[in-house]
Amino acid sequence: MKITAIIPAFNEERHIKRCLESIQQVTKNLLVVDSFSTDRTCEIASSLGAKVLKHSFLNYANQFNWAIDQVVHDAGWIMRVDADEVISNELADEINREVPQLPVNIVGVYFPRSFVFLGKRIRHGGASKIKALRLWRAKLGRCENRWMDEHIIVDGTTVSFSGDLIDHNLNPLYWWTAKHNGYSNREAVDLLNLKYGFIPVDSVASLTSGSSAGLKRWVKERVYARLPVGLRAFGYFLYRYFFALGFLDGRAGLVFHFLQGFWYRFLVDAKVYEVGRHMSLNKCGIVQAIKEVLGIDLSSKEDVKS
């Protein structure tokens, strides 16, 4: 069994050692794709035997598909792990035991993802055990062409494992909110694209695929995106915190579900409104408005319609 793990990174010296050591339970083939870090990320990764490549960051999908193209096509399997994630011992055992005996028609494997926030495991609010396709046969998977919340797309039969991939970021809350402020720009681009169609996209959205990622994306694109701007963020928080029992996650859960389920979503909606207002006031196109309001330059992408 040959697995190549791809780990995108930027200034991840706090996490990279923990991440790579957890991956080494299943493979020594580690490819860190660095976005020109200014800390010791590359030094630490190299000391642990990882191959480090540098590539300028446009968005996650572009970065990851570039990384896939650097992997030798006879690599067997490719695995995606973020630098602040950890492969649990249970998942490592499952990969080592099950992957070598998977039949040839199985092209991808879903891992359940768990979150640790402010030191507490988040178990409710719809944020626990969300399955994501993180392991697939080389040459048979690509990342969706999206600016935010991208997933791997494969054409073929998949299976699900039960061991956790744990998202446990150790940075303080000010860093988390700053990161999500940046994320909100990219998420706003995706929502605006649903309305204006200026970028061709791939999508895992499906009611019949059997994956939680596909169902979540279908609801997001076909239901959530069509609800009134602003009110949908409040409704989503109410669903997560009360109906999906997020309140059972305690104080850390209140912070997590409020910030991710309401503040972040409302910020995205506010930026969508801001771009639309800018278009109206300045009589400009959507691509120009996104550049001037969100600071994202789409004009150099050949497939963008202004």
Protein backbone atom coordinates (compact mmCIF):
# COMPACT_ATOMS: atom_id res chain seq x y z
CA MET A 1 0.00 0.00 0.00
CA LYS A 2 1.45 3.36 -1.05
CA ILE A 3 -0.08 6.59 0.23
CA THR A 4 1.17 10.09 -0.48
CA ALA A 5 -0.12 12.64 2.01
CA ILE A 6 -0.50 16.24 0.80
CA ILE A 7 -0.41 18.93 3.50
CA PRO A 8 -0.96 22.58 2.45
CA ALA A 9 0.72 24.96 4.88
CA PHE A 10 1.38 28.60 5.67
CA ASN A 11 3.04 29.64 8.94
CA GLU A 12 2.08 26.39 10.66
CA GLU A 13 5.09 25.90 12.95
CA ARG A 14 2.69 25.46 15.88
CA HIS A 15 0.94 22.51 14.21
CA ILE A 16 3.12 20.93 11.54
CA LYS A 17 5.15 18.55 13.75
CA ARG A 18 2.02 17.18 15.43
CA CYS A 19 0.29 16.78 12.07
CA LEU A 20 3.16 15.02 10.29
CA GLU A 21 3.85 12.67 13.19
CA SER A 22 0.21 11.59 13.18
CA ILE A 23 0.35 10.93 9.41
CA GLN A 24 3.54 8.90 9.81
CA GLN A 25 1.39 6.24 11.44
CA VAL A 26 0.19 5.35 7.92
CA THR A 27 2.79 6.69 5.47
CA LYS A 28 6.24 8.25 5.25
CA ASN A 29 5.46 9.89 1.89
CA LEU A 30 4.75 13.44 3.02
CA LEU A 31 4.36 16.38 0.61
CA VAL A 32 4.08 19.78 2.27
CA VAL A 33 2.96 22.49 -0.16
CA ASP A 34 4.00 25.75 1.45
CA SER A 35 2.67 29.21 0.55
CA PHE A 36 5.99 30.91 1.37
CA SER A 37 5.82 30.72 5.16
CA THR A 38 7.84 33.23 7.17
CA ASP A 39 8.20 31.00 10.24
CA ARG A 40 9.88 27.60 10.78
CA THR A 41 7.19 25.52 9.02
CA CYS A 42 9.44 24.36 6.17
CA GLU A 43 12.42 23.69 8.46
CA ILE A 44 10.35 21.53 10.80
CA ALA A 45 8.66 19.66 7.93
CA SER A 46 12.00 18.89 6.27
CA SER A 47 13.46 17.65 9.56
CA LEU A 48 10.64 15.12 9.75
CA GLY A 49 11.36 13.76 6.27
CA ALA A 50 8.71 15.65 4.34
CA LYS A 51 9.26 16.89 0.80
CA VAL A 52 8.58 20.62 0.79
CA LEU A 53 7.46 22.49 -2.31
CA LYS A 54 6.64 26.21 -2.48
CA HIS A 55 3.75 27.58 -4.53
CA SER A 56 1.99 30.96 -4.45
CA PHE A 57 -1.52 30.76 -2.97
CA LEU A 58 -4.56 31.84 -5.00
CA ASN A 59 -7.18 29.70 -3.29
CA TYR A 60 -7.26 26.27 -1.72
CA ALA A 61 -8.62 24.48 -4.79
CA ASN A 62 -5.91 25.90 -7.04
CA GLN A 63 -3.21 25.11 -4.47
CA PHE A 64 -4.36 21.57 -3.91
CA ASN A 65 -4.85 20.67 -7.57
CA TRP A 66 -1.35 21.99 -8.26
CA ALA A 67 -0.09 19.71 -5.48
CA ILE A 68 -1.92 16.71 -6.94
CA ASP A 69 -0.14 17.31 -10.25
CA GLN A 70 3.23 17.06 -8.48
CA VAL A 71 2.52 13.54 -7.21
CA VAL A 72 3.83 10.65 -9.31
CA HIS A 73 0.79 9.04 -10.91
CA ASP A 74 1.72 5.55 -9.75
CA ALA A 75 1.53 6.80 -6.16
CA GLY A 76 -1.32 4.42 -5.32
CA TRP A 77 -3.39 6.62 -3.01
CA ILE A 78 -3.39 10.34 -2.20
CA MET A 79 -4.51 11.65 1.18
CA ARG A 80 -5.43 15.24 2.08
CA VAL A 81 -4.66 16.48 5.58
CA ASP A 82 -4.66 20.09 6.75
CA ALA A 83 -1.74 21.24 8.88
CA ASP A 84 -3.92 21.79 11.96
CA GLU A 85 -5.50 18.33 11.69
CA VAL A 86 -4.48 15.09 13.38
CA ILE A 87 -5.12 11.52 12.29
CA SER A 88 -6.47 9.72 15.35
CA ASN A 89 -4.95 6.39 16.40
CA GLU A 90 -8.27 4.71 15.55
CA LEU A 91 -8.26 6.13 12.03
CA ALA A 92 -4.61 5.22 11.51
CA ASP A 93 -5.30 1.61 12.52
CA GLU A 94 -8.31 1.51 10.18
CA ILE A 95 -6.31 2.87 7.23
CA ASN A 96 -3.48 0.38 7.79
CA ARG A 97 -5.91 -2.51 8.15
CA GLU A 98 -8.53 -1.77 5.52
CA VAL A 99 -6.94 0.13 2.63
CA PRO A 100 -4.64 -2.69 1.43
CA GLN A 101 -7.63 -4.98 0.96
CA LEU A 102 -10.05 -2.54 -0.68
CA PRO A 103 -11.32 -3.89 -4.03
CA VAL A 104 -10.17 -2.08 -7.17
CA ASN A 105 -13.62 -0.55 -7.75
CA ILE A 106 -13.31 1.49 -4.54
CA VAL A 107 -11.77 4.81 -5.57
CA GLY A 108 -12.22 6.97 -2.47
CA VAL A 109 -12.59 6.89 1.31
CA TYR A 110 -14.54 9.27 3.54
CA PHE A 111 -13.21 10.19 6.99
CA PRO A 112 -15.43 11.65 9.74
CA ARG A 113 -14.05 15.01 10.95
CA SER A 114 -14.28 16.15 14.55
CA PHE A 115 -13.55 19.62 15.95
CA VAL A 116 -11.79 20.72 19.12
CA PHE A 117 -12.46 24.38 19.95
CA LEU A 118 -11.17 26.26 23.01
CA GLY A 119 -9.94 22.92 24.29
CA LYS A 120 -13.32 21.17 24.08
CA ARG A 121 -14.51 18.51 21.67
CA ILE A 122 -17.54 19.81 19.76
CA ARG A 123 -20.12 17.01 19.61
CA HIS A 124 -23.37 18.74 18.66
CA GLY A 125 -24.81 21.45 16.44
CA GLY A 126 -24.30 19.44 13.27
CA ALA A 127 -20.53 20.00 13.46
CA SER A 128 -19.54 16.54 14.67
CA LYS A 129 -18.59 13.59 12.50
CA ILE A 130 -19.09 15.39 9.19
CA LYS A 131 -17.67 13.05 6.58
CA ALA A 132 -15.22 14.35 3.98
CA LEU A 133 -13.50 12.46 1.18
CA ARG A 134 -9.84 12.60 2.18
CA LEU A 135 -8.28 9.49 0.62
CA TRP A 136 -8.52 8.51 -3.05
CA ARG A 137 -6.69 6.61 -5.76
CA ALA A 138 -4.10 8.72 -7.58
CA LYS A 139 -5.30 10.25 -10.87
CA LEU A 140 -8.94 9.61 -9.91
CA GLY A 141 -9.64 12.67 -7.75
CA ARG A 142 -9.53 16.47 -8.10
CA CYS A 143 -10.50 19.37 -5.88
CA GLU A 144 -13.69 21.30 -6.70
CA ASN A 145 -13.13 24.58 -8.52
CA ARG A 146 -14.42 26.79 -5.72
CA TRP A 147 -13.11 29.63 -3.57
CA MET A 148 -14.30 28.22 -0.25
CA ASP A 149 -15.45 24.97 1.40
CA GLU A 150 -13.99 22.86 -1.40
CA HIS A 151 -14.15 19.06 -1.53
CA ILE A 152 -12.47 16.30 -3.49
CA ILE A 153 -14.50 14.91 -6.40
CA VAL A 154 -14.05 11.32 -7.56
CA ASP A 155 -15.92 9.32 -10.17
CA GLY A 156 -16.58 5.89 -8.72
CA THR A 157 -17.54 3.92 -5.64
CA THR A 158 -16.51 5.15 -2.19
CA VAL A 159 -16.54 3.79 1.36
CA SER A 160 -16.54 5.41 4.80
CA PHE A 161 -14.24 4.76 7.73
CA SER A 162 -15.22 5.36 11.36
CA GLY A 163 -11.96 6.67 12.88
CA ASP A 164 -11.73 10.44 13.32
CA LEU A 165 -9.70 13.07 11.54
CA ILE A 166 -9.46 15.72 14.27
CA ASP A 167 -9.41 19.45 13.50
CA HIS A 168 -7.65 20.97 16.51
CA ASN A 169 -6.21 24.43 15.89
CA LEU A 170 -4.03 25.69 18.73
CA ASN A 171 -3.98 29.37 17.78
CA PRO A 172 -5.80 31.95 19.96
CA LEU A 173 -9.27 33.25 19.21
CA TYR A 174 -8.10 36.51 17.61
CA TRP A 175 -6.28 34.42 14.98
CA TRP A 176 -9.40 32.28 14.39
CA THR A 177 -11.60 35.34 13.83
CA ALA A 178 -9.00 36.96 11.54
CA LYS A 179 -8.79 33.75 9.50
CA HIS A 180 -12.56 33.55 9.17
CA ASN A 181 -12.71 37.19 8.16
CA GLY A 182 -10.50 36.19 5.23
CA TYR A 183 -12.60 33.11 4.60
CA SER A 184 -15.71 35.29 4.42
CA ASN A 185 -14.32 37.11 1.36
CA ARG A 186 -13.90 33.81 -0.46
CA GLU A 187 -17.29 32.50 0.66
CA ALA A 188 -18.87 35.73 -0.58
CA VAL A 189 -17.31 35.08 -4.00
CA ASP A 190 -18.93 31.64 -4.12
CA LEU A 191 -22.35 32.99 -3.12
CA LEU A 192 -22.10 35.81 -5.66
CA ASN A 193 -21.11 33.29 -8.30
CA LEU A 194 -24.34 31.36 -7.69
CA LYS A 195 -26.21 34.52 -8.70
CA TYR A 196 -23.99 35.95 -11.44
CA GLY A 197 -22.23 32.83 -12.80
CA PHE A 198 -18.89 34.47 -13.58
CA ILE A 199 -16.79 31.36 -12.79
CA PRO A 200 -17.52 27.79 -13.94
CA VAL A 201 -17.61 25.56 -10.87
CA ASP A 202 -17.64 21.93 -9.87
CA SER A 203 -19.92 20.82 -7.07
CA VAL A 204 -20.36 17.78 -4.85
CA ALA A 205 -23.97 18.88 -4.18
CA SER A 206 -26.22 15.82 -4.22
CA LEU A 207 -29.25 14.40 -2.45
CA THR A 208 -28.46 10.87 -3.57
CA SER A 209 -24.70 10.45 -3.14
CA GLY A 210 -25.03 9.31 0.46
CA SER A 211 -22.28 11.69 1.64
CA SER A 212 -22.86 14.32 4.30
CA ALA A 213 -20.69 16.74 2.29
CA GLY A 214 -22.91 16.31 -0.78
CA LEU A 215 -26.12 16.79 1.22
CA LYS A 216 -24.72 19.81 3.07
CA ARG A 217 -23.62 21.43 -0.20
CA TRP A 218 -27.03 20.76 -1.81
CA VAL A 219 -28.82 22.46 1.10
CA LYS A 220 -26.34 25.34 1.00
CA GLU A 221 -26.70 25.97 -2.75
CA ARG A 222 -30.37 25.14 -3.29
CA VAL A 223 -31.95 26.28 -0.02
CA TYR A 224 -29.70 28.49 2.13
CA ALA A 225 -28.44 30.65 -0.77
CA ARG A 226 -32.04 31.47 -1.75
CA LEU A 227 -33.11 32.68 1.69
CA PRO A 228 -33.16 36.41 2.57
CA VAL A 229 -29.66 37.83 3.08
CA GLY A 230 -28.95 38.38 6.78
CA LEU A 231 -31.97 36.50 8.12
CA ARG A 232 -30.55 33.20 6.90
CA ALA A 233 -27.53 33.57 9.20
CA PHE A 234 -29.78 34.03 12.23
CA GLY A 235 -31.93 31.06 11.19
CA TYR A 236 -28.86 28.87 10.70
CA PHE A 237 -27.59 29.71 14.20
CA LEU A 238 -30.98 28.91 15.75
CA TYR A 239 -30.95 25.56 13.98
CA ARG A 240 -27.43 24.69 15.10
CA TYR A 241 -27.66 25.89 18.67
CA PHE A 242 -31.16 24.77 19.61
CA PHE A 243 -32.57 22.21 17.16
CA ALA A 244 -29.22 20.47 16.62
CA LEU A 245 -28.46 20.69 20.36
CA GLY A 246 -25.38 22.87 20.12
CA PHE A 247 -26.14 24.23 23.60
CA LEU A 248 -25.01 20.85 24.99
CA ASP A 249 -21.42 21.76 24.04
CA GLY A 250 -21.21 24.21 26.95
CA ARG A 251 -19.43 27.56 26.97
CA ALA A 252 -16.92 26.61 24.27
CA GLY A 253 -19.84 25.39 22.16
CA LEU A 254 -21.70 28.68 22.58
CA VAL A 255 -18.67 30.59 21.30
CA PHE A 256 -18.08 28.12 18.47
CA HIS A 257 -21.66 27.89 17.23
CA PHE A 258 -22.29 31.63 17.56
CA LEU A 259 -19.11 32.65 15.77
CA GLN A 260 -19.22 30.02 13.05
CA GLY A 261 -22.98 29.65 12.76
CA PHE A 262 -24.04 33.30 13.02
CA TRP A 263 -21.18 35.87 13.07
CA TYR A 264 -19.30 34.32 10.16
CA ARG A 265 -22.43 33.73 8.05
CA PHE A 266 -23.71 37.25 8.74
CA LEU A 267 -20.31 38.69 7.80
CA VAL A 268 -20.47 36.82 4.48
CA ASP A 269 -23.95 38.19 3.84
CA ALA A 270 -22.82 41.72 4.71
CA LYS A 271 -20.01 41.44 2.17
CA VAL A 272 -22.38 40.09 -0.49
CA TYR A 273 -24.59 43.15 0.16
CA GLU A 274 -21.56 45.46 0.04
CA VAL A 275 -20.46 44.12 -3.35
CA GLY A 276 -23.98 44.52 -4.76
CA ARG A 277 -24.22 48.08 -3.44
CA HIS A 278 -20.83 48.91 -4.95
CA MET A 279 -21.97 47.61 -8.34
CA SER A 280 -25.08 49.75 -8.19
CA LEU A 281 -23.35 52.95 -7.06
CA ASN A 282 -20.40 52.68 -9.44
CA LYS A 283 -22.17 51.07 -12.41
CA CYS A 284 -19.46 48.41 -12.64
CA GLY A 285 -19.41 44.67 -13.29
CA ILE A 286 -19.26 41.93 -10.69
CA VAL A 287 -15.58 41.05 -11.22
CA GLN A 288 -14.51 44.69 -10.80
CA ALA A 289 -16.69 45.08 -7.71
CA ILE A 290 -15.19 41.96 -6.10
CA LYS A 291 -11.71 43.31 -6.70
CA GLU A 292 -12.48 46.75 -5.30
CA VAL A 293 -14.53 45.61 -2.30
CA LEU A 294 -13.08 42.21 -1.35
CA GLY A 295 -9.56 42.63 -2.70
CA ILE A 296 -9.79 39.45 -4.81
CA ASP A 297 -8.56 39.88 -8.37
CA LEU A 298 -10.36 37.46 -10.68
CA SER A 299 -9.49 39.26 -13.91
CA SER A 300 -6.37 37.17 -14.58
CA LYS A 301 -8.33 33.90 -14.60
CA GLU A 302 -9.08 32.87 -18.19
CA ASP A 303 -12.42 31.23 -17.34
CA VAL A 304 -13.90 34.27 -15.58
CA LYS A 305 -16.76 36.17 -17.20
CA SER A 306 -16.75 39.84 -16.20
